[in-house]
Amino acid sequence: MFKELNPLLHSELRLAVMSILLSVESADFVYLKELTGATAGNLSVQIDKLQKAGYISVEKGFKGKMPRTTCSITQEGVAAFEEYVEAIKSYIIK
């Protein structure tokens, strides 16, 4: 039977952000924006949703005089991503 897909991770941009964060210790906003091709506004909204869900942590600071937002995936985020991948596998006909 098909498993239910996590609606929070089923968004293309949120899934992309989670995939990127799985492969790095942390990533700043500019890096995520470049890799995903998202607009700053859309990426900001999606990061906020992932943070509120507890899937990523967000640190805001400065690099020199420039503001810098850095994201990293949480253990809860890793678990949710792994569950999502398993659910997707149930849709693949063998």
PDB file of N, CA and C in Angstrom:
ATOM      1  N   MET A   1       0.840  -1.186   0.000  1.00  0.00           N
ATOM      2  CA  MET A   1       0.000   0.000   0.000  1.00  0.00           C
ATOM      3  C   MET A   1       0.880   1.243   0.000  1.00  0.00           C
ATOM      4  N   PHE A   2       0.324   2.333  -0.487  1.00  0.00           N
ATOM      5  CA  PHE A   2       1.067   3.586  -0.537  1.00  0.00           C
ATOM      6  C   PHE A   2       1.133   4.231   0.838  1.00  0.00           C
ATOM      7  N   LYS A   3       2.312   4.721   1.181  1.00  0.00           N
ATOM      8  CA  LYS A   3       2.484   5.432   2.446  1.00  0.00           C
ATOM      9  C   LYS A   3       2.169   6.907   2.230  1.00  0.00           C
ATOM     10  N   GLU A   4       1.707   7.558   3.282  1.00  0.00           N
ATOM     11  CA  GLU A   4       1.384   8.979   3.204  1.00  0.00           C
ATOM     12  C   GLU A   4       2.675   9.791   3.082  1.00  0.00           C
ATOM     13  N   LEU A   5       2.663  10.759   2.165  1.00  0.00           N
ATOM     14  CA  LEU A   5       3.827  11.624   1.976  1.00  0.00           C
ATOM     15  C   LEU A   5       3.732  12.834   2.904  1.00  0.00           C
ATOM     16  N   ASN A   6       4.833  13.182   3.515  1.00  0.00           N
ATOM     17  CA  ASN A   6       4.907  14.344   4.390  1.00  0.00           C
ATOM     18  C   ASN A   6       4.676  15.599   3.542  1.00  0.00           C
ATOM     19  N   PRO A   7       3.560  16.317   3.741  1.00  0.00           N
ATOM     20  CA  PRO A   7       3.258  17.472   2.898  1.00  0.00           C
ATOM     21  C   PRO A   7       4.297  18.587   3.017  1.00  0.00           C
ATOM     22  N   LEU A   8       4.950  18.682   4.162  1.00  0.00           N
ATOM     23  CA  LEU A   8       5.963  19.716   4.339  1.00  0.00           C
ATOM     24  C   LEU A   8       7.178  19.450   3.447  1.00  0.00           C
ATOM     25  N   LEU A   9       7.523  18.193   3.263  1.00  0.00           N
ATOM     26  CA  LEU A   9       8.679  17.853   2.438  1.00  0.00           C
ATOM     27  C   LEU A   9       8.317  17.628   0.980  1.00  0.00           C
ATOM     28  N   HIS A  10       7.040  17.580   0.668  1.00  0.00           N
ATOM     29  CA  HIS A  10       6.616  17.294  -0.698  1.00  0.00           C
ATOM     30  C   HIS A  10       6.732  18.520  -1.611  1.00  0.00           C
ATOM     31  N   SER A  11       7.059  19.657  -1.057  1.00  0.00           N
ATOM     32  CA  SER A  11       7.303  20.868  -1.834  1.00  0.00           C
ATOM     33  C   SER A  11       8.690  20.767  -2.472  1.00  0.00           C
ATOM     34  N   GLU A  12       8.776  21.097  -3.749  1.00  0.00           N
ATOM     35  CA  GLU A  12      10.043  20.979  -4.474  1.00  0.00           C
ATOM     36  C   GLU A  12      11.167  21.778  -3.814  1.00  0.00           C
ATOM     37  N   LEU A  13      10.894  23.011  -3.423  1.00  0.00           N
ATOM     38  CA  LEU A  13      11.940  23.853  -2.843  1.00  0.00           C
ATOM     39  C   LEU A  13      12.341  23.373  -1.448  1.00  0.00           C
ATOM     40  N   ARG A  14      11.360  23.024  -0.616  1.00  0.00           N
ATOM     41  CA  ARG A  14      11.708  22.532   0.728  1.00  0.00           C
ATOM     42  C   ARG A  14      12.474  21.219   0.637  1.00  0.00           C
ATOM     43  N   LEU A  15      12.095  20.363  -0.292  1.00  0.00           N
ATOM     44  CA  LEU A  15      12.802  19.102  -0.492  1.00  0.00           C
ATOM     45  C   LEU A  15      14.234  19.368  -0.952  1.00  0.00           C
ATOM     46  N   ALA A  16      14.419  20.340  -1.829  1.00  0.00           N
ATOM     47  CA  ALA A  16      15.759  20.704  -2.304  1.00  0.00           C
ATOM     48  C   ALA A  16      16.621  21.224  -1.148  1.00  0.00           C
ATOM     49  N   VAL A  17      16.059  22.087  -0.326  1.00  0.00           N
ATOM     50  CA  VAL A  17      16.806  22.634   0.817  1.00  0.00           C
ATOM     51  C   VAL A  17      17.224  21.507   1.752  1.00  0.00           C
ATOM     52  N   MET A  18      16.306  20.616   2.056  1.00  0.00           N
ATOM     53  CA  MET A  18      16.622  19.488   2.943  1.00  0.00           C
ATOM     54  C   MET A  18      17.702  18.601   2.334  1.00  0.00           C
ATOM     55  N   SER A  19      17.618  18.337   1.045  1.00  0.00           N
ATOM     56  CA  SER A  19      18.609  17.500   0.357  1.00  0.00           C
ATOM     57  C   SER A  19      19.997  18.131   0.433  1.00  0.00           C
ATOM     58  N   ILE A  20      20.062  19.429   0.217  1.00  0.00           N
ATOM     59  CA  ILE A  20      21.345  20.137   0.294  1.00  0.00           C
ATOM     60  C   ILE A  20      21.901  20.055   1.713  1.00  0.00           C
ATOM     61  N   LEU A  21      21.047  20.331   2.696  1.00  0.00           N
ATOM     62  CA  LEU A  21      21.515  20.364   4.085  1.00  0.00           C
ATOM     63  C   LEU A  21      21.939  18.986   4.594  1.00  0.00           C
ATOM     64  N   LEU A  22      21.428  17.935   3.999  1.00  0.00           N
ATOM     65  CA  LEU A  22      21.860  16.586   4.375  1.00  0.00           C
ATOM     66  C   LEU A  22      23.315  16.335   4.018  1.00  0.00           C
ATOM     67  N   SER A  23      23.792  17.020   2.991  1.00  0.00           N
ATOM     68  CA  SER A  23      25.138  16.739   2.490  1.00  0.00           C
ATOM     69  C   SER A  23      26.206  17.702   3.003  1.00  0.00           C
ATOM     70  N   VAL A  24      25.821  18.688   3.789  1.00  0.00           N
ATOM     71  CA  VAL A  24      26.781  19.656   4.326  1.00  0.00           C
ATOM     72  C   VAL A  24      26.526  19.851   5.819  1.00  0.00           C
ATOM     73  N   GLU A  25      27.536  20.352   6.513  1.00  0.00           N
ATOM     74  CA  GLU A  25      27.365  20.636   7.941  1.00  0.00           C
ATOM     75  C   GLU A  25      26.388  21.789   8.143  1.00  0.00           C
ATOM     76  N   SER A  26      26.533  22.821   7.308  1.00  0.00           N
ATOM     77  CA  SER A  26      25.621  23.964   7.317  1.00  0.00           C
ATOM     78  C   SER A  26      25.758  24.685   5.975  1.00  0.00           C
ATOM     79  N   ALA A  27      24.784  25.524   5.670  1.00  0.00           N
ATOM     80  CA  ALA A  27      24.810  26.274   4.414  1.00  0.00           C
ATOM     81  C   ALA A  27      24.219  27.648   4.663  1.00  0.00           C
ATOM     82  N   ASP A  28      24.836  28.660   4.071  1.00  0.00           N
ATOM     83  CA  ASP A  28      24.269  29.989   4.248  1.00  0.00           C
ATOM     84  C   ASP A  28      23.192  30.246   3.187  1.00  0.00           C
ATOM     85  N   PHE A  29      22.421  31.276   3.447  1.00  0.00           N
ATOM     86  CA  PHE A  29      21.264  31.610   2.616  1.00  0.00           C
ATOM     87  C   PHE A  29      21.658  31.799   1.154  1.00  0.00           C
ATOM     88  N   VAL A  30      22.763  32.496   0.919  1.00  0.00           N
ATOM     89  CA  VAL A  30      23.201  32.779  -0.452  1.00  0.00           C
ATOM     90  C   VAL A  30      23.507  31.478  -1.190  1.00  0.00           C
ATOM     91  N   TYR A  31      24.171  30.556  -0.526  1.00  0.00           N
ATOM     92  CA  TYR A  31      24.501  29.256  -1.121  1.00  0.00           C
ATOM     93  C   TYR A  31      23.225  28.496  -1.481  1.00  0.00           C
ATOM     94  N   LEU A  32      22.277  28.450  -0.557  1.00  0.00           N
ATOM     95  CA  LEU A  32      21.010  27.766  -0.816  1.00  0.00           C
ATOM     96  C   LEU A  32      20.256  28.423  -1.971  1.00  0.00           C
ATOM     97  N   LYS A  33      20.274  29.748  -2.006  1.00  0.00           N
ATOM     98  CA  LYS A  33      19.599  30.486  -3.073  1.00  0.00           C
ATOM     99  C   LYS A  33      20.221  30.159  -4.424  1.00  0.00           C
ATOM    100  N   GLU A  34      21.541  30.126  -4.482  1.00  0.00           N
ATOM    101  CA  GLU A  34      22.226  29.820  -5.742  1.00  0.00           C
ATOM    102  C   GLU A  34      21.937  28.398  -6.214  1.00  0.00           C
ATOM    103  N   LEU A  35      22.004  27.430  -5.303  1.00  0.00           N
ATOM    104  CA  LEU A  35      21.794  26.038  -5.690  1.00  0.00           C
ATOM    105  C   LEU A  35      20.353  25.736  -6.086  1.00  0.00           C
ATOM    106  N   THR A  36      19.410  26.365  -5.426  1.00  0.00           N
ATOM    107  CA  THR A  36      18.002  26.068  -5.709  1.00  0.00           C
ATOM    108  C   THR A  36      17.431  26.935  -6.829  1.00  0.00           C
ATOM    109  N   GLY A  37      18.035  28.080  -7.074  1.00  0.00           N
ATOM    110  CA  GLY A  37      17.497  29.002  -8.076  1.00  0.00           C
ATOM    111  C   GLY A  37      16.250  29.722  -7.611  1.00  0.00           C
ATOM    112  N   ALA A  38      15.982  29.666  -6.319  1.00  0.00           N
ATOM    113  CA  ALA A  38      14.781  30.287  -5.749  1.00  0.00           C
ATOM    114  C   ALA A  38      14.979  31.793  -5.571  1.00  0.00           C
ATOM    115  N   THR A  39      13.877  32.499  -5.496  1.00  0.00           N
ATOM    116  CA  THR A  39      13.949  33.919  -5.160  1.00  0.00           C
ATOM    117  C   THR A  39      14.225  34.030  -3.661  1.00  0.00           C
ATOM    118  N   ALA A  40      14.779  35.142  -3.256  1.00  0.00           N
ATOM    119  CA  ALA A  40      15.092  35.348  -1.844  1.00  0.00           C
ATOM    120  C   ALA A  40      13.827  35.259  -0.984  1.00  0.00           C
ATOM    121  N   GLY A  41      12.758  35.863  -1.455  1.00  0.00           N
ATOM    122  CA  GLY A  41      11.510  35.854  -0.684  1.00  0.00           C
ATOM    123  C   GLY A  41      10.944  34.461  -0.510  1.00  0.00           C
ATOM    124  N   ASN A  42      10.888  33.688  -1.594  1.00  0.00           N
ATOM    125  CA  ASN A  42      10.337  32.336  -1.518  1.00  0.00           C
ATOM    126  C   ASN A  42      11.218  31.450  -0.639  1.00  0.00           C
ATOM    127  N   LEU A  43      12.532  31.543  -0.816  1.00  0.00           N
ATOM    128  CA  LEU A  43      13.435  30.728  -0.010  1.00  0.00           C
ATOM    129  C   LEU A  43      13.287  31.062   1.470  1.00  0.00           C
ATOM    130  N   SER A  44      13.167  32.336   1.781  1.00  0.00           N
ATOM    131  CA  SER A  44      13.003  32.767   3.164  1.00  0.00           C
ATOM    132  C   SER A  44      11.750  32.164   3.793  1.00  0.00           C
ATOM    133  N   VAL A  45      10.654  32.174   3.055  1.00  0.00           N
ATOM    134  CA  VAL A  45       9.388  31.607   3.546  1.00  0.00           C
ATOM    135  C   VAL A  45       9.530  30.105   3.791  1.00  0.00           C
ATOM    136  N   GLN A  46      10.177  29.400   2.858  1.00  0.00           N
ATOM    137  CA  GLN A  46      10.311  27.947   2.983  1.00  0.00           C
ATOM    138  C   GLN A  46      11.258  27.566   4.119  1.00  0.00           C
ATOM    139  N   ILE A  47      12.319  28.334   4.306  1.00  0.00           N
ATOM    140  CA  ILE A  47      13.238  28.104   5.425  1.00  0.00           C
ATOM    141  C   ILE A  47      12.493  28.283   6.734  1.00  0.00           C
ATOM    142  N   ASP A  48      11.658  29.313   6.806  1.00  0.00           N
ATOM    143  CA  ASP A  48      10.878  29.566   8.016  1.00  0.00           C
ATOM    144  C   ASP A  48       9.952  28.388   8.330  1.00  0.00           C
ATOM    145  N   LYS A  49       9.312  27.827   7.307  1.00  0.00           N
ATOM    146  CA  LYS A  49       8.419  26.674   7.518  1.00  0.00           C
ATOM    147  C   LYS A  49       9.194  25.462   8.026  1.00  0.00           C
ATOM    148  N   LEU A  50      10.375  25.212   7.450  1.00  0.00           N
ATOM    149  CA  LEU A  50      11.189  24.075   7.890  1.00  0.00           C
ATOM    150  C   LEU A  50      11.701  24.284   9.318  1.00  0.00           C
ATOM    151  N   GLN A  51      12.040  25.517   9.647  1.00  0.00           N
ATOM    152  CA  GLN A  51      12.504  25.812  11.008  1.00  0.00           C
ATOM    153  C   GLN A  51      11.375  25.631  12.019  1.00  0.00           C
ATOM    154  N   LYS A  52      10.192  26.119  11.708  1.00  0.00           N
ATOM    155  CA  LYS A  52       9.050  25.983  12.621  1.00  0.00           C
ATOM    156  C   LYS A  52       8.685  24.520  12.847  1.00  0.00           C
ATOM    157  N   ALA A  53       8.935  23.671  11.838  1.00  0.00           N
ATOM    158  CA  ALA A  53       8.662  22.237  11.970  1.00  0.00           C
ATOM    159  C   ALA A  53       9.751  21.532  12.779  1.00  0.00           C
ATOM    160  N   GLY A  54      10.859  22.230  13.024  1.00  0.00           N
ATOM    161  CA  GLY A  54      11.963  21.631  13.768  1.00  0.00           C
ATOM    162  C   GLY A  54      12.908  20.821  12.889  1.00  0.00           C
ATOM    163  N   TYR A  55      12.761  20.946  11.572  1.00  0.00           N
ATOM    164  CA  TYR A  55      13.586  20.170  10.642  1.00  0.00           C
ATOM    165  C   TYR A  55      14.953  20.793  10.396  1.00  0.00           C
ATOM    166  N   ILE A  56      15.049  22.108  10.543  1.00  0.00           N
ATOM    167  CA  ILE A  56      16.337  22.784  10.400  1.00  0.00           C
ATOM    168  C   ILE A  56      16.505  23.800  11.515  1.00  0.00           C
ATOM    169  N   SER A  57      17.756  24.142  11.793  1.00  0.00           N
ATOM    170  CA  SER A  57      18.038  25.236  12.718  1.00  0.00           C
ATOM    171  C   SER A  57      18.591  26.390  11.893  1.00  0.00           C
ATOM    172  N   VAL A  58      18.294  27.594  12.316  1.00  0.00           N
ATOM    173  CA  VAL A  58      18.701  28.792  11.590  1.00  0.00           C
ATOM    174  C   VAL A  58      19.425  29.722  12.549  1.00  0.00           C
ATOM    175  N   GLU A  59      20.610  30.149  12.135  1.00  0.00           N
ATOM    176  CA  GLU A  59      21.379  31.118  12.917  1.00  0.00           C
ATOM    177  C   GLU A  59      21.552  32.377  12.094  1.00  0.00           C
ATOM    178  N   LYS A  60      21.266  33.505  12.720  1.00  0.00           N
ATOM    179  CA  LYS A  60      21.432  34.785  12.038  1.00  0.00           C
ATOM    180  C   LYS A  60      22.583  35.529  12.701  1.00  0.00           C
ATOM    181  N   GLY A  61      23.412  36.105  11.864  1.00  0.00           N
ATOM    182  CA  GLY A  61      24.553  36.849  12.373  1.00  0.00           C
ATOM    183  C   GLY A  61      25.074  37.773  11.295  1.00  0.00           C
ATOM    184  N   PHE A  62      26.336  38.129  11.419  1.00  0.00           N
ATOM    185  CA  PHE A  62      26.955  39.019  10.445  1.00  0.00           C
ATOM    186  C   PHE A  62      28.302  38.465  10.012  1.00  0.00           C
ATOM    187  N   LYS A  63      28.621  38.695   8.764  1.00  0.00           N
ATOM    188  CA  LYS A  63      29.958  38.431   8.232  1.00  0.00           C
ATOM    189  C   LYS A  63      30.475  39.795   7.836  1.00  0.00           C
ATOM    190  N   GLY A  64      31.315  40.358   8.685  1.00  0.00           N
ATOM    191  CA  GLY A  64      31.679  41.761   8.511  1.00  0.00           C
ATOM    192  C   GLY A  64      30.459  42.599   8.824  1.00  0.00           C
ATOM    193  N   LYS A  65      30.065  43.438   7.881  1.00  0.00           N
ATOM    194  CA  LYS A  65      28.868  44.272   8.066  1.00  0.00           C
ATOM    195  C   LYS A  65      27.648  43.700   7.372  1.00  0.00           C
ATOM    196  N   MET A  66      27.844  42.572   6.697  1.00  0.00           N
ATOM    197  CA  MET A  66      26.749  41.964   5.934  1.00  0.00           C
ATOM    198  C   MET A  66      25.996  40.940   6.798  1.00  0.00           C
ATOM    199  N   PRO A  67      24.656  40.988   6.782  1.00  0.00           N
ATOM    200  CA  PRO A  67      23.900  39.971   7.516  1.00  0.00           C
ATOM    201  C   PRO A  67      24.116  38.596   6.892  1.00  0.00           C
ATOM    202  N   ARG A  68      24.098  37.570   7.735  1.00  0.00           N
ATOM    203  CA  ARG A  68      24.312  36.206   7.234  1.00  0.00           C
ATOM    204  C   ARG A  68      23.371  35.254   7.972  1.00  0.00           C
ATOM    205  N   THR A  69      22.634  34.474   7.200  1.00  0.00           N
ATOM    206  CA  THR A  69      21.740  33.454   7.735  1.00  0.00           C
ATOM    207  C   THR A  69      22.329  32.098   7.378  1.00  0.00           C
ATOM    208  N   THR A  70      22.528  31.268   8.395  1.00  0.00           N
ATOM    209  CA  THR A  70      23.104  29.940   8.189  1.00  0.00           C
ATOM    210  C   THR A  70      22.111  28.887   8.662  1.00  0.00           C
ATOM    211  N   CYS A  71      21.910  27.857   7.833  1.00  0.00           N
ATOM    212  CA  CYS A  71      20.962  26.792   8.145  1.00  0.00           C
ATOM    213  C   CYS A  71      21.696  25.459   8.284  1.00  0.00           C
ATOM    214  N   SER A  72      21.172  24.617   9.165  1.00  0.00           N
ATOM    215  CA  SER A  72      21.668  23.247   9.268  1.00  0.00           C
ATOM    216  C   SER A  72      20.491  22.336   9.599  1.00  0.00           C
ATOM    217  N   ILE A  73      20.605  21.090   9.182  1.00  0.00           N
ATOM    218  CA  ILE A  73      19.521  20.135   9.402  1.00  0.00           C
ATOM    219  C   ILE A  73      19.602  19.587  10.828  1.00  0.00           C
ATOM    220  N   THR A  74      18.454  19.341  11.427  1.00  0.00           N
ATOM    221  CA  THR A  74      18.404  18.778  12.776  1.00  0.00           C
ATOM    222  C   THR A  74      18.233  17.264  12.688  1.00  0.00           C
ATOM    223  N   GLN A  75      18.386  16.588  13.811  1.00  0.00           N
ATOM    224  CA  GLN A  75      18.158  15.142  13.844  1.00  0.00           C
ATOM    225  C   GLN A  75      16.709  14.830  13.463  1.00  0.00           C
ATOM    226  N   GLU A  76      15.791  15.669  13.923  1.00  0.00           N
ATOM    227  CA  GLU A  76      14.377  15.495  13.564  1.00  0.00           C
ATOM    228  C   GLU A  76      14.194  15.649  12.052  1.00  0.00           C
ATOM    229  N   GLY A  77      14.930  16.568  11.454  1.00  0.00           N
ATOM    230  CA  GLY A  77      14.869  16.773  10.020  1.00  0.00           C
ATOM    231  C   GLY A  77      15.410  15.580   9.246  1.00  0.00           C
ATOM    232  N   VAL A  78      16.505  15.007   9.741  1.00  0.00           N
ATOM    233  CA  VAL A  78      17.078  13.819   9.101  1.00  0.00           C
ATOM    234  C   VAL A  78      16.070  12.673   9.148  1.00  0.00           C
ATOM    235  N   ALA A  79      15.450  12.472  10.302  1.00  0.00           N
ATOM    236  CA  ALA A  79      14.465  11.400  10.455  1.00  0.00           C
ATOM    237  C   ALA A  79      13.267  11.620   9.525  1.00  0.00           C
ATOM    238  N   ALA A  80      12.784  12.854   9.447  1.00  0.00           N
ATOM    239  CA  ALA A  80      11.643  13.163   8.577  1.00  0.00           C
ATOM    240  C   ALA A  80      12.008  12.934   7.113  1.00  0.00           C
ATOM    241  N   PHE A  81      13.218  13.308   6.727  1.00  0.00           N
ATOM    242  CA  PHE A  81      13.657  13.109   5.353  1.00  0.00           C
ATOM    243  C   PHE A  81      13.737  11.621   5.028  1.00  0.00           C
ATOM    244  N   GLU A  82      14.301  10.837   5.940  1.00  0.00           N
ATOM    245  CA  GLU A  82      14.408   9.390   5.722  1.00  0.00           C
ATOM    246  C   GLU A  82      13.033   8.746   5.608  1.00  0.00           C
ATOM    247  N   GLU A  83      12.083   9.176   6.440  1.00  0.00           N
ATOM    248  CA  GLU A  83      10.709   8.665   6.356  1.00  0.00           C
ATOM    249  C   GLU A  83      10.079   9.042   5.017  1.00  0.00           C
ATOM    250  N   TYR A  84      10.355  10.248   4.550  1.00  0.00           N
ATOM    251  CA  TYR A  84       9.815  10.705   3.277  1.00  0.00           C
ATOM    252  C   TYR A  84      10.347   9.840   2.138  1.00  0.00           C
ATOM    253  N   VAL A  85      11.630   9.566   2.162  1.00  0.00           N
ATOM    254  CA  VAL A  85      12.237   8.729   1.116  1.00  0.00           C
ATOM    255  C   VAL A  85      11.613   7.337   1.126  1.00  0.00           C
ATOM    256  N   GLU A  86      11.400   6.775   2.301  1.00  0.00           N
ATOM    257  CA  GLU A  86      10.767   5.451   2.400  1.00  0.00           C
ATOM    258  C   GLU A  86       9.339   5.492   1.860  1.00  0.00           C
ATOM    259  N   ALA A  87       8.628   6.570   2.140  1.00  0.00           N
ATOM    260  CA  ALA A  87       7.253   6.703   1.643  1.00  0.00           C
ATOM    261  C   ALA A  87       7.248   6.799   0.116  1.00  0.00           C
ATOM    262  N   ILE A  88       8.188   7.542  -0.442  1.00  0.00           N
ATOM    263  CA  ILE A  88       8.282   7.657  -1.907  1.00  0.00           C
ATOM    264  C   ILE A  88       8.538   6.295  -2.526  1.00  0.00           C
ATOM    265  N   LYS A  89       9.349   5.487  -1.875  1.00  0.00           N
ATOM    266  CA  LYS A  89       9.661   4.159  -2.399  1.00  0.00           C
ATOM    267  C   LYS A  89       8.398   3.298  -2.538  1.00  0.00           C
ATOM    268  N   SER A  90       7.405   3.560  -1.697  1.00  0.00           N
ATOM    269  CA  SER A  90       6.177   2.760  -1.780  1.00  0.00           C
ATOM    270  C   SER A  90       5.378   3.072  -3.046  1.00  0.00           C
ATOM    271  N   TYR A  91       5.700   4.179  -3.714  1.00  0.00           N
ATOM    272  CA  TYR A  91       5.016   4.568  -4.942  1.00  0.00           C
ATOM    273  C   TYR A  91       5.694   4.005  -6.193  1.00  0.00           C
ATOM    274  N   ILE A  92       6.892   3.497  -6.011  1.00  0.00           N
ATOM    275  CA  ILE A  92       7.634   2.957  -7.146  1.00  0.00           C
ATOM    276  C   ILE A  92       7.204   1.520  -7.384  1.00  0.00           C
ATOM    277  N   ILE A  93       6.670   1.278  -8.545  1.00  0.00           N
ATOM    278  CA  ILE A  93       6.191  -0.076  -8.886  1.00  0.00           C
ATOM    279  C   ILE A  93       7.377  -0.924  -9.262  1.00  0.00           C
ATOM    280  N   LYS A  94       7.437  -2.079  -8.655  1.00  0.00           N
ATOM    281  CA  LYS A  94       8.567  -2.987  -8.919  1.00  0.00           C
ATOM    282  C   LYS A  94       8.151  -4.074  -9.858  1.00  0.00           C
TER     283      LYS A  94
END
